[in-house]
Protein backbone atom coordinates (compact mmCIF):
# COMPACT_ATOMS: atom_id res chain seq x y z
CA UNK A 1 -8.01 4.83 -7.15
CA UNK A 2 -7.19 1.29 -6.86
CA UNK A 3 -4.06 -0.56 -6.63
CA UNK A 4 -3.28 -3.82 -6.12
CA UNK A 5 -1.09 -5.32 -3.24
CA UNK A 6 1.04 -8.22 -3.45
CA UNK A 7 2.00 -9.88 -0.06
CA UNK A 8 6.10 -10.23 0.11
CA UNK A 9 5.03 -13.64 2.54
CA UNK A 10 3.04 -15.65 0.44
CA UNK A 11 2.25 -13.39 -3.11
CA UNK A 12 -1.22 -13.22 -2.80
CA UNK A 13 -3.04 -10.57 -4.76
CA UNK A 14 -5.79 -8.21 -4.17
CA UNK A 15 -7.29 -5.47 -5.38
CA UNK A 16 -8.33 -2.48 -2.96
CA UNK A 17 -9.71 1.20 -3.34
CA UNK A 18 -7.17 3.56 -1.71
CA UNK A 19 -7.98 6.33 0.53
CA UNK A 20 -6.75 9.31 -0.85
CA UNK A 21 -6.63 11.72 2.74
CA UNK A 22 -4.71 9.59 4.99
CA UNK A 23 -2.33 6.69 4.90
CA UNK A 24 -2.89 3.46 5.08
CA UNK A 25 0.41 2.30 7.36
CA UNK A 26 -1.15 -1.75 8.34
CA UNK A 27 -2.80 -4.24 5.31
CA UNK A 28 -3.38 -7.27 6.85
CA UNK A 29 -3.12 -10.08 3.78
CA UNK A 30 -5.99 -11.83 3.91
CA UNK A 31 -4.75 -14.54 2.46
CA UNK A 32 -1.94 -15.43 5.40
CA UNK A 33 -3.04 -12.85 7.47
CA UNK A 34 0.37 -11.42 7.91
CA UNK A 35 0.45 -7.97 8.87
CA UNK A 36 2.68 -6.19 5.57
CA UNK A 37 3.86 -1.83 6.40
CA UNK A 38 5.97 0.15 4.65
CA UNK A 39 9.38 -0.23 3.30
CA UNK A 40 11.57 2.11 4.95
CA UNK A 41 12.02 4.63 2.92
CA UNK A 42 7.77 4.30 1.78
CA UNK A 43 5.18 6.18 3.20
CA UNK A 44 2.76 3.15 3.47
CA UNK A 45 1.39 0.27 2.27
CA UNK A 46 0.14 1.23 -1.82
CA UNK A 47 3.88 2.83 -1.92
CA UNK A 48 5.24 -0.92 -1.08
CA UNK A 49 3.29 -3.27 -2.47
CA UNK A 50 1.19 -2.04 -4.82
CA UNK A 51 0.95 -1.72 -8.43
CA UNK A 52 -0.02 2.20 -7.86
CA UNK A 53 1.70 4.13 -6.21
CA UNK A 54 -1.02 6.29 -3.19
CA UNK A 55 -2.75 9.21 -4.56
CA UNK A 56 -0.19 11.98 -2.76
CA UNK A 57 3.17 10.60 -4.36
CA UNK A 58 1.04 10.43 -7.81
CA UNK A 59 0.58 14.67 -7.09
CA UNK A 60 4.16 15.28 -6.51
CA UNK A 61 4.22 15.27 -2.82
CA UNK A 62 7.30 13.94 -0.79
CA UNK A 63 5.32 11.33 1.77
CA UNK A 64 0.95 11.37 2.07
CA UNK A 65 1.23 12.37 5.75
C-alpha cells in the first residue's frame, strides 16, 4: 500500500510504499534531507505526514508498534 509523504520543512512530496509489518519512525526527505519523526501521539511518519495512515491503524489498531 502506498502513501504520499509531504515534508513539513520544504513541502516536497513523494509516494512511498508503507511497511505492513513494522513502524517507520524516521524518514529522510530526499529534497532538503531533514529527518522526519512522527508528531506526538502518532505511531509513525505515515500517520503524521502521509496521505494514508499506516496499515495497522487502518485495520483498527491503536498503534502499529
